[in-house]
Amino acid sequence: MKKRELGMVDVYVQPGFLIRRAHQVATAAFSTATTDLDLTAVQFSALIAIKDNPDTDATRVSEMISFDRTTIGHVLARLERKKLIVRRDGVIDKRTKLLRLTLKGETMIREVSRRVDEIAETILTPFGVSERAALLKLLAKFASQSSDHIADEAPVSDRKRK
């Protein structure tokens, strides 16, 4: 039996498409609520990671917020330029830069924290109470997957061939 070619109607129900759209909605909600602060959701996550783990390094921050190690350097550089964090040489390894919040960074966290409920409400508006709980539970389960596991489970025909 020959498979039919996919059309746009098929794209709109694909999990990857829906997740990308959901990410766009969530990003827009954060951006709209914090437009006056010039801060992204990833930058905010990095600030929280540094607050909870003072004197951590960029690699640990990238692990804590599940963000690409290469790109986290750019995120941290922007936070440093905004004077929200400071970097100093490591005690044991001078090549390692240890991260700490500044007073301005602590103030930024408090300001965004006051808006978190508004952001969540914007994102979850289409859902009732029980749907919200179910969605958050399913998203947590989905997000807990390892990307290595997903690659291992891909059909052989989808993997890169040598």
C-alpha atoms as a PDB file:
ATOM      1  CA  MET A   1       0.000   0.000   0.000  1.00  0.00           C
ATOM      2  CA  LYS A   2       1.427   3.353  -1.060  1.00  0.00           C
ATOM      3  CA  LYS A   3       1.559   6.087   1.566  1.00  0.00           C
ATOM      4  CA  ARG A   4       0.007   9.379   0.590  1.00  0.00           C
ATOM      5  CA  GLU A   5       2.017  12.578   0.642  1.00  0.00           C
ATOM      6  CA  LEU A   6       1.531  14.800   3.649  1.00  0.00           C
ATOM      7  CA  GLY A   7      -0.240  18.130   3.354  1.00  0.00           C
ATOM      8  CA  MET A   8      -0.457  21.116   5.703  1.00  0.00           C
ATOM      9  CA  VAL A   9      -3.463  19.624   7.469  1.00  0.00           C
ATOM     10  CA  ASP A  10      -1.154  16.768   8.486  1.00  0.00           C
ATOM     11  CA  VAL A  11       1.579  19.129   9.658  1.00  0.00           C
ATOM     12  CA  TYR A  12      -0.823  20.894  12.034  1.00  0.00           C
ATOM     13  CA  VAL A  13      -1.343  17.708  14.065  1.00  0.00           C
ATOM     14  CA  GLN A  14       2.298  16.604  14.280  1.00  0.00           C
ATOM     15  CA  PRO A  15       3.737  16.651  17.828  1.00  0.00           C
ATOM     16  CA  GLY A  16       6.853  18.538  16.748  1.00  0.00           C
ATOM     17  CA  PHE A  17       4.812  21.281  15.088  1.00  0.00           C
ATOM     18  CA  LEU A  18       2.488  21.594  18.087  1.00  0.00           C
ATOM     19  CA  ILE A  19       5.393  21.719  20.534  1.00  0.00           C
ATOM     20  CA  ARG A  20       7.100  24.421  18.461  1.00  0.00           C
ATOM     21  CA  ARG A  21       3.871  26.448  18.419  1.00  0.00           C
ATOM     22  CA  ALA A  22       3.459  25.973  22.173  1.00  0.00           C
ATOM     23  CA  HIS A  23       7.031  27.195  22.659  1.00  0.00           C
ATOM     24  CA  GLN A  24       6.239  30.278  20.565  1.00  0.00           C
ATOM     25  CA  VAL A  25       3.188  31.007  22.726  1.00  0.00           C
ATOM     26  CA  ALA A  26       5.169  30.567  25.958  1.00  0.00           C
ATOM     27  CA  THR A  27       8.032  32.734  24.701  1.00  0.00           C
ATOM     28  CA  ALA A  28       5.618  35.458  23.627  1.00  0.00           C
ATOM     29  CA  ALA A  29       3.892  35.366  27.027  1.00  0.00           C
ATOM     30  CA  PHE A  30       7.222  35.800  28.850  1.00  0.00           C
ATOM     31  CA  SER A  31       8.364  38.506  26.434  1.00  0.00           C
ATOM     32  CA  THR A  32       5.120  40.464  26.724  1.00  0.00           C
ATOM     33  CA  ALA A  33       5.139  40.350  30.523  1.00  0.00           C
ATOM     34  CA  THR A  34       8.795  41.406  30.758  1.00  0.00           C
ATOM     35  CA  THR A  35       9.160  43.729  27.767  1.00  0.00           C
ATOM     36  CA  ASP A  36      10.243  46.607  30.012  1.00  0.00           C
ATOM     37  CA  LEU A  37      13.009  44.503  31.571  1.00  0.00           C
ATOM     38  CA  ASP A  38      14.925  43.451  28.432  1.00  0.00           C
ATOM     39  CA  LEU A  39      15.292  39.870  29.628  1.00  0.00           C
ATOM     40  CA  THR A  40      14.599  36.542  27.915  1.00  0.00           C
ATOM     41  CA  ALA A  41      13.207  33.420  29.546  1.00  0.00           C
ATOM     42  CA  VAL A  42      16.560  31.659  29.085  1.00  0.00           C
ATOM     43  CA  GLN A  43      18.388  34.562  30.720  1.00  0.00           C
ATOM     44  CA  PHE A  44      15.931  34.439  33.619  1.00  0.00           C
ATOM     45  CA  SER A  45      16.467  30.686  34.022  1.00  0.00           C
ATOM     46  CA  ALA A  46      20.223  31.255  34.060  1.00  0.00           C
ATOM     47  CA  LEU A  47      19.843  33.941  36.746  1.00  0.00           C
ATOM     48  CA  ILE A  48      17.802  31.560  38.903  1.00  0.00           C
ATOM     49  CA  ALA A  49      20.398  28.791  38.449  1.00  0.00           C
ATOM     50  CA  ILE A  50      23.187  31.171  39.480  1.00  0.00           C
ATOM     51  CA  LYS A  51      21.162  32.460  42.451  1.00  0.00           C
ATOM     52  CA  ASP A  52      20.593  28.936  43.716  1.00  0.00           C
ATOM     53  CA  ASN A  53      24.199  27.880  42.980  1.00  0.00           C
ATOM     54  CA  PRO A  54      26.561  30.816  43.560  1.00  0.00           C
ATOM     55  CA  ASP A  55      30.097  30.334  42.252  1.00  0.00           C
ATOM     56  CA  THR A  56      28.958  27.825  39.658  1.00  0.00           C
ATOM     57  CA  ASP A  57      30.385  27.784  36.130  1.00  0.00           C
ATOM     58  CA  ALA A  58      28.857  28.044  32.668  1.00  0.00           C
ATOM     59  CA  THR A  59      28.853  24.294  32.078  1.00  0.00           C
ATOM     60  CA  ARG A  60      26.839  23.666  35.238  1.00  0.00           C
ATOM     61  CA  VAL A  61      24.396  26.456  34.356  1.00  0.00           C
ATOM     62  CA  SER A  62      23.857  24.928  30.908  1.00  0.00           C
ATOM     63  CA  GLU A  63      23.173  21.542  32.534  1.00  0.00           C
ATOM     64  CA  MET A  64      20.805  22.967  35.153  1.00  0.00           C
ATOM     65  CA  ILE A  65      18.641  24.792  32.608  1.00  0.00           C
ATOM     66  CA  SER A  66      19.006  22.182  29.836  1.00  0.00           C
ATOM     67  CA  PHE A  67      20.552  24.655  27.441  1.00  0.00           C
ATOM     68  CA  ASP A  68      23.249  24.200  24.814  1.00  0.00           C
ATOM     69  CA  ARG A  69      26.756  24.606  26.300  1.00  0.00           C
ATOM     70  CA  THR A  70      28.004  26.599  23.325  1.00  0.00           C
ATOM     71  CA  THR A  71      25.149  29.098  23.365  1.00  0.00           C
ATOM     72  CA  ILE A  72      25.123  29.557  27.151  1.00  0.00           C
ATOM     73  CA  GLY A  73      28.340  31.567  26.820  1.00  0.00           C
ATOM     74  CA  HIS A  74      26.489  34.177  24.756  1.00  0.00           C
ATOM     75  CA  VAL A  75      23.618  34.245  27.266  1.00  0.00           C
ATOM     76  CA  LEU A  76      26.034  34.772  30.161  1.00  0.00           C
ATOM     77  CA  ALA A  77      27.946  37.462  28.258  1.00  0.00           C
ATOM     78  CA  ARG A  78      24.690  39.402  27.788  1.00  0.00           C
ATOM     79  CA  LEU A  79      23.852  39.022  31.485  1.00  0.00           C
ATOM     80  CA  GLU A  80      27.308  40.302  32.355  1.00  0.00           C
ATOM     81  CA  ARG A  81      26.966  43.284  29.977  1.00  0.00           C
ATOM     82  CA  LYS A  82      23.647  44.092  31.654  1.00  0.00           C
ATOM     83  CA  LYS A  83      25.505  43.950  34.994  1.00  0.00           C
ATOM     84  CA  LEU A  84      23.202  41.206  36.294  1.00  0.00           C
ATOM     85  CA  ILE A  85      26.070  38.764  36.967  1.00  0.00           C
ATOM     86  CA  VAL A  86      29.804  38.911  37.526  1.00  0.00           C
ATOM     87  CA  ARG A  87      32.385  36.355  36.472  1.00  0.00           C
ATOM     88  CA  ARG A  88      35.587  35.783  38.379  1.00  0.00           C
ATOM     89  CA  ASP A  89      38.455  33.350  38.048  1.00  0.00           C
ATOM     90  CA  GLY A  90      38.056  29.969  39.686  1.00  0.00           C
ATOM     91  CA  VAL A  91      40.038  29.221  42.804  1.00  0.00           C
ATOM     92  CA  ILE A  92      41.320  25.820  41.682  1.00  0.00           C
ATOM     93  CA  ASP A  93      41.321  26.378  37.910  1.00  0.00           C
ATOM     94  CA  LYS A  94      41.887  29.970  36.768  1.00  0.00           C
ATOM     95  CA  ARG A  95      40.483  29.088  33.316  1.00  0.00           C
ATOM     96  CA  THR A  96      37.082  28.409  34.883  1.00  0.00           C
ATOM     97  CA  LYS A  97      34.904  31.460  35.418  1.00  0.00           C
ATOM     98  CA  LEU A  98      32.701  31.359  38.502  1.00  0.00           C
ATOM     99  CA  LEU A  99      29.373  33.150  38.320  1.00  0.00           C
ATOM    100  CA  ARG A 100      27.553  35.243  40.904  1.00  0.00           C
ATOM    101  CA  LEU A 101      24.564  37.534  40.829  1.00  0.00           C
ATOM    102  CA  THR A 102      24.989  41.251  41.314  1.00  0.00           C
ATOM    103  CA  LEU A 103      22.540  43.285  43.390  1.00  0.00           C
ATOM    104  CA  LYS A 104      20.982  44.332  40.092  1.00  0.00           C
ATOM    105  CA  GLY A 105      20.613  40.630  39.181  1.00  0.00           C
ATOM    106  CA  GLU A 106      18.921  39.889  42.516  1.00  0.00           C
ATOM    107  CA  THR A 107      16.538  42.793  41.912  1.00  0.00           C
ATOM    108  CA  MET A 108      15.773  41.486  38.417  1.00  0.00           C
ATOM    109  CA  ILE A 109      14.863  38.052  39.787  1.00  0.00           C
ATOM    110  CA  ARG A 110      12.491  39.630  42.330  1.00  0.00           C
ATOM    111  CA  GLU A 111      10.841  41.736  39.614  1.00  0.00           C
ATOM    112  CA  VAL A 112      10.317  38.835  37.193  1.00  0.00           C
ATOM    113  CA  SER A 113       9.186  36.577  40.055  1.00  0.00           C
ATOM    114  CA  ARG A 114       6.310  38.983  40.700  1.00  0.00           C
ATOM    115  CA  ARG A 115       5.185  38.397  37.097  1.00  0.00           C
ATOM    116  CA  VAL A 116       5.510  34.610  36.914  1.00  0.00           C
ATOM    117  CA  ASP A 117       1.874  33.940  37.816  1.00  0.00           C
ATOM    118  CA  GLU A 118       0.730  36.354  35.096  1.00  0.00           C
ATOM    119  CA  ILE A 119       2.948  34.587  32.557  1.00  0.00           C
ATOM    120  CA  ALA A 120       1.665  31.152  33.559  1.00  0.00           C
ATOM    121  CA  GLU A 121      -1.932  32.373  33.415  1.00  0.00           C
ATOM    122  CA  THR A 122      -1.399  33.720  29.890  1.00  0.00           C
ATOM    123  CA  ILE A 123       0.082  30.412  28.743  1.00  0.00           C
ATOM    124  CA  LEU A 124      -2.567  28.267  30.417  1.00  0.00           C
ATOM    125  CA  THR A 125      -5.610  30.442  29.567  1.00  0.00           C
ATOM    126  CA  PRO A 126      -7.205  27.917  27.161  1.00  0.00           C
ATOM    127  CA  PHE A 127      -7.275  25.189  29.822  1.00  0.00           C
ATOM    128  CA  GLY A 128      -9.498  24.413  32.784  1.00  0.00           C
ATOM    129  CA  VAL A 129      -8.062  23.524  36.184  1.00  0.00           C
ATOM    130  CA  SER A 130      -7.884  19.764  35.611  1.00  0.00           C
ATOM    131  CA  GLU A 131      -6.545  20.237  32.069  1.00  0.00           C
ATOM    132  CA  ARG A 132      -3.787  22.507  33.405  1.00  0.00           C
ATOM    133  CA  ALA A 133      -2.705  19.899  35.935  1.00  0.00           C
ATOM    134  CA  ALA A 134      -2.765  17.170  33.279  1.00  0.00           C
ATOM    135  CA  LEU A 135      -0.862  19.318  30.762  1.00  0.00           C
ATOM    136  CA  LEU A 136       1.858  20.218  33.265  1.00  0.00           C
ATOM    137  CA  LYS A 137       2.210  16.577  34.306  1.00  0.00           C
ATOM    138  CA  LEU A 138       2.501  15.450  30.675  1.00  0.00           C
ATOM    139  CA  LEU A 139       4.965  18.221  29.807  1.00  0.00           C
ATOM    140  CA  ALA A 140       7.152  17.286  32.785  1.00  0.00           C
ATOM    141  CA  LYS A 141       7.102  13.657  31.686  1.00  0.00           C
ATOM    142  CA  PHE A 142       7.932  14.638  28.114  1.00  0.00           C
ATOM    143  CA  ALA A 143      10.730  17.013  29.167  1.00  0.00           C
ATOM    144  CA  SER A 144      12.322  14.376  31.392  1.00  0.00           C
ATOM    145  CA  GLN A 145      13.239  12.286  28.345  1.00  0.00           C
ATOM    146  CA  SER A 146      16.886  12.206  27.483  1.00  0.00           C
ATOM    147  CA  SER A 147      17.673  13.382  23.969  1.00  0.00           C
ATOM    148  CA  ASP A 148      20.175  10.499  23.786  1.00  0.00           C
ATOM    149  CA  HIS A 149      17.293   8.085  24.403  1.00  0.00           C
ATOM    150  CA  ILE A 150      15.271   9.680  21.606  1.00  0.00           C
ATOM    151  CA  ALA A 151      18.176   9.345  19.169  1.00  0.00           C
ATOM    152  CA  ASP A 152      18.671   5.708  20.179  1.00  0.00           C
ATOM    153  CA  GLU A 153      15.002   4.945  19.543  1.00  0.00           C
ATOM    154  CA  ALA A 154      14.863   6.556  16.072  1.00  0.00           C
ATOM    155  CA  PRO A 155      14.132   4.119  13.239  1.00  0.00           C
ATOM    156  CA  VAL A 156      17.257   3.001  11.401  1.00  0.00           C
ATOM    157  CA  SER A 157      15.983   4.636   8.192  1.00  0.00           C
ATOM    158  CA  ASP A 158      15.989   8.026   9.990  1.00  0.00           C
ATOM    159  CA  ARG A 159      19.535   7.789  11.340  1.00  0.00           C
ATOM    160  CA  LYS A 160      22.511   9.185   9.511  1.00  0.00           C
ATOM    161  CA  ARG A 161      24.247   6.546   7.433  1.00  0.00           C
ATOM    162  CA  LYS A 162      27.979   6.386   7.038  1.00  0.00           C
END
